Amino acid sequence: MVTKLYVGKLSFDTTNDSLQTLFSQYGKVISSQIIIDRATNQSKGFGFVEMEDQKTAQAAINALNGKEFEGRTILVNTARPREDQPQNYDRNSFRGGLKRS
């Protein structure tokens, strides 16, 4: 079963390919993705790697968590499921100041 890992504290220069190369030392990498800020089009400093199974994912966590990669000490752990954002968000309900009649 595919296991998704969270990789934090990455260098802003880290690419999907370099992340995949790093993790492929510990088993088959299904995908790697650096998260990009939409406004600046630059890395947010974290990403996700999907490993083929739990055994290879755990080997990568054990080997890489707290280790230096591209000049930064990275954080690696099992990714938590994404929490859904509320769909009924009303931007206008958060206006500050006095309400005018």
N, C-alpha and C. Protein backbone atom coordinates (compact mmCIF):
# COMPACT_ATOMS: atom_id res chain seq x y z
N MET A 1 0.84 -1.18 0.00
CA MET A 1 0.00 0.00 0.00
C MET A 1 0.88 1.24 0.00
N VAL A 2 0.56 2.22 -0.84
CA VAL A 2 1.33 3.46 -0.96
C VAL A 2 1.28 4.23 0.36
N THR A 3 2.42 4.74 0.79
CA THR A 3 2.51 5.53 2.02
C THR A 3 3.01 6.92 1.67
N LYS A 4 2.27 7.93 2.12
CA LYS A 4 2.63 9.32 1.84
C LYS A 4 3.41 9.90 3.01
N LEU A 5 4.53 10.54 2.69
CA LEU A 5 5.39 11.16 3.70
C LEU A 5 5.37 12.67 3.55
N TYR A 6 5.43 13.35 4.68
CA TYR A 6 5.60 14.79 4.72
C TYR A 6 7.08 15.07 4.89
N VAL A 7 7.61 16.02 4.11
CA VAL A 7 9.02 16.40 4.20
C VAL A 7 9.07 17.91 4.42
N GLY A 8 9.52 18.32 5.59
CA GLY A 8 9.54 19.74 5.94
C GLY A 8 10.94 20.29 6.10
N LYS A 9 11.01 21.61 6.24
CA LYS A 9 12.24 22.36 6.42
C LYS A 9 13.20 22.19 5.24
N LEU A 10 12.63 22.08 4.04
CA LEU A 10 13.43 21.92 2.84
C LEU A 10 14.03 23.25 2.40
N SER A 11 15.14 23.18 1.72
CA SER A 11 15.72 24.35 1.06
C SER A 11 14.72 24.84 0.02
N PHE A 12 14.66 26.14 -0.18
CA PHE A 12 13.75 26.68 -1.18
C PHE A 12 14.22 26.36 -2.60
N ASP A 13 15.43 25.82 -2.72
CA ASP A 13 15.97 25.42 -4.02
C ASP A 13 15.73 23.94 -4.34
N THR A 14 15.17 23.19 -3.40
CA THR A 14 14.90 21.77 -3.63
C THR A 14 13.86 21.60 -4.73
N THR A 15 14.11 20.62 -5.61
CA THR A 15 13.18 20.36 -6.71
C THR A 15 12.50 19.01 -6.50
N ASN A 16 11.46 18.76 -7.28
CA ASN A 16 10.78 17.45 -7.24
C ASN A 16 11.77 16.34 -7.55
N ASP A 17 12.64 16.57 -8.54
CA ASP A 17 13.61 15.54 -8.95
C ASP A 17 14.63 15.26 -7.86
N SER A 18 15.16 16.30 -7.22
CA SER A 18 16.16 16.06 -6.17
C SER A 18 15.53 15.35 -4.97
N LEU A 19 14.28 15.68 -4.67
CA LEU A 19 13.57 15.01 -3.58
C LEU A 19 13.35 13.53 -3.92
N GLN A 20 12.95 13.26 -5.15
CA GLN A 20 12.75 11.88 -5.58
C GLN A 20 14.05 11.09 -5.54
N THR A 21 15.13 11.70 -5.99
CA THR A 21 16.44 11.03 -5.97
C THR A 21 16.85 10.67 -4.54
N LEU A 22 16.65 11.61 -3.61
CA LEU A 22 16.99 11.36 -2.21
C LEU A 22 16.23 10.16 -1.66
N PHE A 23 14.93 10.13 -1.86
CA PHE A 23 14.09 9.08 -1.27
C PHE A 23 14.22 7.75 -2.00
N SER A 24 14.60 7.77 -3.26
CA SER A 24 14.70 6.51 -4.02
C SER A 24 15.82 5.61 -3.50
N GLN A 25 16.70 6.13 -2.68
CA GLN A 25 17.74 5.31 -2.05
C GLN A 25 17.14 4.29 -1.08
N TYR A 26 15.90 4.52 -0.66
CA TYR A 26 15.27 3.68 0.36
C TYR A 26 14.13 2.83 -0.17
N GLY A 27 13.82 2.96 -1.46
CA GLY A 27 12.76 2.16 -2.06
C GLY A 27 12.12 2.91 -3.22
N LYS A 28 11.12 2.30 -3.80
CA LYS A 28 10.47 2.87 -4.97
C LYS A 28 9.63 4.08 -4.58
N VAL A 29 9.90 5.20 -5.27
CA VAL A 29 9.14 6.43 -5.06
C VAL A 29 8.05 6.50 -6.13
N ILE A 30 6.82 6.62 -5.71
CA ILE A 30 5.69 6.73 -6.62
C ILE A 30 5.59 8.16 -7.14
N SER A 31 5.74 9.14 -6.24
CA SER A 31 5.70 10.55 -6.65
C SER A 31 6.40 11.41 -5.61
N SER A 32 6.83 12.58 -6.05
CA SER A 32 7.38 13.58 -5.14
C SER A 32 6.87 14.94 -5.58
N GLN A 33 6.52 15.77 -4.61
CA GLN A 33 5.94 17.06 -4.95
C GLN A 33 6.36 18.12 -3.93
N ILE A 34 7.02 19.16 -4.43
CA ILE A 34 7.33 20.33 -3.63
C ILE A 34 6.11 21.25 -3.71
N ILE A 35 5.67 21.78 -2.58
CA ILE A 35 4.50 22.66 -2.56
C ILE A 35 4.96 24.08 -2.91
N ILE A 36 4.27 24.66 -3.89
CA ILE A 36 4.61 25.97 -4.42
C ILE A 36 3.57 27.01 -4.01
N ASP A 37 4.04 28.18 -3.59
CA ASP A 37 3.16 29.29 -3.25
C ASP A 37 2.58 29.87 -4.54
N ARG A 38 1.28 29.97 -4.63
CA ARG A 38 0.63 30.46 -5.86
C ARG A 38 0.96 31.92 -6.15
N ALA A 39 1.09 32.72 -5.11
CA ALA A 39 1.33 34.15 -5.30
C ALA A 39 2.75 34.44 -5.79
N THR A 40 3.74 33.73 -5.22
CA THR A 40 5.14 34.03 -5.55
C THR A 40 5.76 33.02 -6.51
N ASN A 41 5.09 31.89 -6.71
CA ASN A 41 5.59 30.80 -7.55
C ASN A 41 6.92 30.24 -7.04
N GLN A 42 7.13 30.34 -5.71
CA GLN A 42 8.33 29.79 -5.09
C GLN A 42 7.93 28.70 -4.10
N SER A 43 8.90 27.85 -3.78
CA SER A 43 8.68 26.76 -2.84
C SER A 43 8.26 27.31 -1.48
N LYS A 44 7.37 26.56 -0.81
CA LYS A 44 6.98 26.90 0.55
C LYS A 44 7.90 26.22 1.57
N GLY A 45 8.87 25.42 1.09
CA GLY A 45 9.82 24.79 1.99
C GLY A 45 9.37 23.44 2.53
N PHE A 46 8.33 22.87 1.92
CA PHE A 46 7.92 21.52 2.31
C PHE A 46 7.34 20.82 1.10
N GLY A 47 7.18 19.51 1.25
CA GLY A 47 6.64 18.73 0.15
C GLY A 47 6.17 17.36 0.63
N PHE A 48 5.80 16.52 -0.33
CA PHE A 48 5.30 15.19 -0.04
C PHE A 48 5.96 14.18 -0.97
N VAL A 49 6.21 13.00 -0.42
CA VAL A 49 6.76 11.89 -1.19
C VAL A 49 5.87 10.68 -0.95
N GLU A 50 5.47 10.01 -2.03
CA GLU A 50 4.71 8.77 -1.90
C GLU A 50 5.65 7.61 -2.17
N MET A 51 5.77 6.73 -1.18
CA MET A 51 6.62 5.54 -1.29
C MET A 51 5.74 4.32 -1.56
N GLU A 52 6.35 3.31 -2.16
CA GLU A 52 5.61 2.13 -2.60
C GLU A 52 4.89 1.40 -1.46
N ASP A 53 5.52 1.33 -0.30
CA ASP A 53 4.89 0.61 0.82
C ASP A 53 5.37 1.16 2.16
N GLN A 54 4.73 0.71 3.23
CA GLN A 54 5.04 1.18 4.58
C GLN A 54 6.48 0.86 4.99
N LYS A 55 6.99 -0.29 4.58
CA LYS A 55 8.34 -0.71 4.96
C LYS A 55 9.40 0.24 4.40
N THR A 56 9.30 0.58 3.13
CA THR A 56 10.28 1.50 2.53
C THR A 56 10.10 2.92 3.06
N ALA A 57 8.84 3.29 3.32
CA ALA A 57 8.58 4.62 3.88
C ALA A 57 9.21 4.74 5.26
N GLN A 58 9.07 3.72 6.09
CA GLN A 58 9.65 3.75 7.44
C GLN A 58 11.17 3.78 7.37
N ALA A 59 11.75 3.07 6.42
CA ALA A 59 13.20 3.09 6.24
C ALA A 59 13.68 4.51 5.88
N ALA A 60 12.93 5.19 5.02
CA ALA A 60 13.27 6.57 4.65
C ALA A 60 13.13 7.51 5.84
N ILE A 61 12.07 7.35 6.63
CA ILE A 61 11.89 8.18 7.82
C ILE A 61 13.06 7.99 8.78
N ASN A 62 13.40 6.73 9.05
CA ASN A 62 14.49 6.43 9.98
C ASN A 62 15.82 7.00 9.52
N ALA A 63 16.07 6.95 8.22
CA ALA A 63 17.35 7.39 7.68
C ALA A 63 17.43 8.91 7.49
N LEU A 64 16.32 9.56 7.17
CA LEU A 64 16.39 10.95 6.73
C LEU A 64 15.88 11.99 7.73
N ASN A 65 15.03 11.61 8.65
CA ASN A 65 14.49 12.58 9.60
C ASN A 65 15.63 13.15 10.45
N GLY A 66 15.78 14.47 10.43
CA GLY A 66 16.82 15.13 11.20
C GLY A 66 18.17 15.18 10.51
N LYS A 67 18.23 14.72 9.27
CA LYS A 67 19.49 14.73 8.52
C LYS A 67 19.58 15.98 7.63
N GLU A 68 20.79 16.33 7.24
CA GLU A 68 21.00 17.48 6.37
C GLU A 68 20.79 17.09 4.91
N PHE A 69 20.07 17.96 4.21
CA PHE A 69 19.86 17.80 2.77
C PHE A 69 19.84 19.18 2.14
N GLU A 70 20.74 19.39 1.21
CA GLU A 70 20.87 20.67 0.51
C GLU A 70 20.99 21.84 1.49
N GLY A 71 21.78 21.63 2.54
CA GLY A 71 22.07 22.70 3.48
C GLY A 71 21.07 22.92 4.59
N ARG A 72 20.03 22.10 4.67
CA ARG A 72 19.00 22.25 5.70
C ARG A 72 18.79 20.92 6.41
N THR A 73 18.48 20.99 7.70
CA THR A 73 18.13 19.79 8.46
C THR A 73 16.64 19.54 8.25
N ILE A 74 16.32 18.44 7.57
CA ILE A 74 14.94 18.19 7.16
C ILE A 74 14.15 17.39 8.20
N LEU A 75 12.86 17.49 8.10
CA LEU A 75 11.91 16.78 8.94
C LEU A 75 11.15 15.82 8.04
N VAL A 76 11.10 14.55 8.41
CA VAL A 76 10.39 13.54 7.61
C VAL A 76 9.50 12.72 8.53
N ASN A 77 8.21 12.65 8.21
CA ASN A 77 7.30 11.79 8.95
C ASN A 77 6.12 11.40 8.07
N THR A 78 5.30 10.50 8.56
CA THR A 78 4.13 10.07 7.81
C THR A 78 3.16 11.25 7.71
N ALA A 79 2.66 11.50 6.51
CA ALA A 79 1.74 12.61 6.29
C ALA A 79 0.40 12.32 6.94
N ARG A 80 -0.18 13.34 7.52
CA ARG A 80 -1.52 13.24 8.08
C ARG A 80 -2.53 13.47 6.97
N PRO A 81 -3.72 12.89 7.09
CA PRO A 81 -4.74 13.14 6.08
C PRO A 81 -5.08 14.62 6.02
N ARG A 82 -5.34 15.11 4.83
CA ARG A 82 -5.66 16.52 4.65
C ARG A 82 -7.02 16.82 5.26
N GLU A 83 -7.07 17.90 6.03
CA GLU A 83 -8.34 18.32 6.62
C GLU A 83 -9.08 19.17 5.61
N ASP A 84 -10.35 18.88 5.43
CA ASP A 84 -11.16 19.66 4.50
C ASP A 84 -11.42 21.04 5.07
N GLN A 85 -11.37 22.04 4.21
CA GLN A 85 -11.68 23.41 4.61
C GLN A 85 -13.19 23.59 4.60
N PRO A 86 -13.71 24.43 5.49
CA PRO A 86 -15.16 24.68 5.48
C PRO A 86 -15.60 25.25 4.14
N GLN A 87 -16.70 24.73 3.62
CA GLN A 87 -17.19 25.17 2.32
C GLN A 87 -18.04 26.43 2.42
N ASN A 88 -18.53 26.77 3.61
CA ASN A 88 -19.43 27.91 3.78
C ASN A 88 -18.69 29.14 4.28
N TYR A 89 -17.46 29.29 3.91
CA TYR A 89 -16.67 30.44 4.32
C TYR A 89 -17.24 31.70 3.66
N ASP A 90 -17.57 32.67 4.48
CA ASP A 90 -18.10 33.94 3.97
C ASP A 90 -17.12 35.04 4.32
N ARG A 91 -16.41 35.50 3.34
CA ARG A 91 -15.37 36.50 3.53
C ARG A 91 -15.95 37.76 4.19
N ASN A 92 -17.17 38.12 3.87
CA ASN A 92 -17.78 39.35 4.39
C ASN A 92 -18.11 39.27 5.87
N SER A 93 -18.24 38.07 6.41
CA SER A 93 -18.58 37.94 7.82
C SER A 93 -17.41 38.28 8.73
N PHE A 94 -16.23 38.50 8.18
CA PHE A 94 -15.05 38.78 8.99
C PHE A 94 -14.61 40.23 8.87
N ARG A 95 -15.45 41.11 8.33
CA ARG A 95 -15.11 42.52 8.23
C ARG A 95 -15.02 43.13 9.61
N GLY A 96 -14.04 43.96 9.80
CA GLY A 96 -13.90 44.63 11.10
C GLY A 96 -14.60 45.97 11.08
N GLY A 97 -14.62 46.61 12.23
CA GLY A 97 -15.19 47.95 12.31
C GLY A 97 -16.68 47.93 12.63
N LEU A 98 -17.24 49.11 12.61
CA LEU A 98 -18.65 49.27 12.96
C LEU A 98 -19.54 49.00 11.77
N LYS A 99 -20.67 48.47 12.06
CA LYS A 99 -21.65 48.21 11.01
C LYS A 99 -22.45 49.47 10.78
N ARG A 100 -22.54 49.91 9.53
CA ARG A 100 -23.27 51.14 9.21
C ARG A 100 -24.70 50.79 8.81
N SER A 101 -25.62 51.64 9.23
CA SER A 101 -27.02 51.41 8.87
C SER A 101 -27.42 52.22 7.67
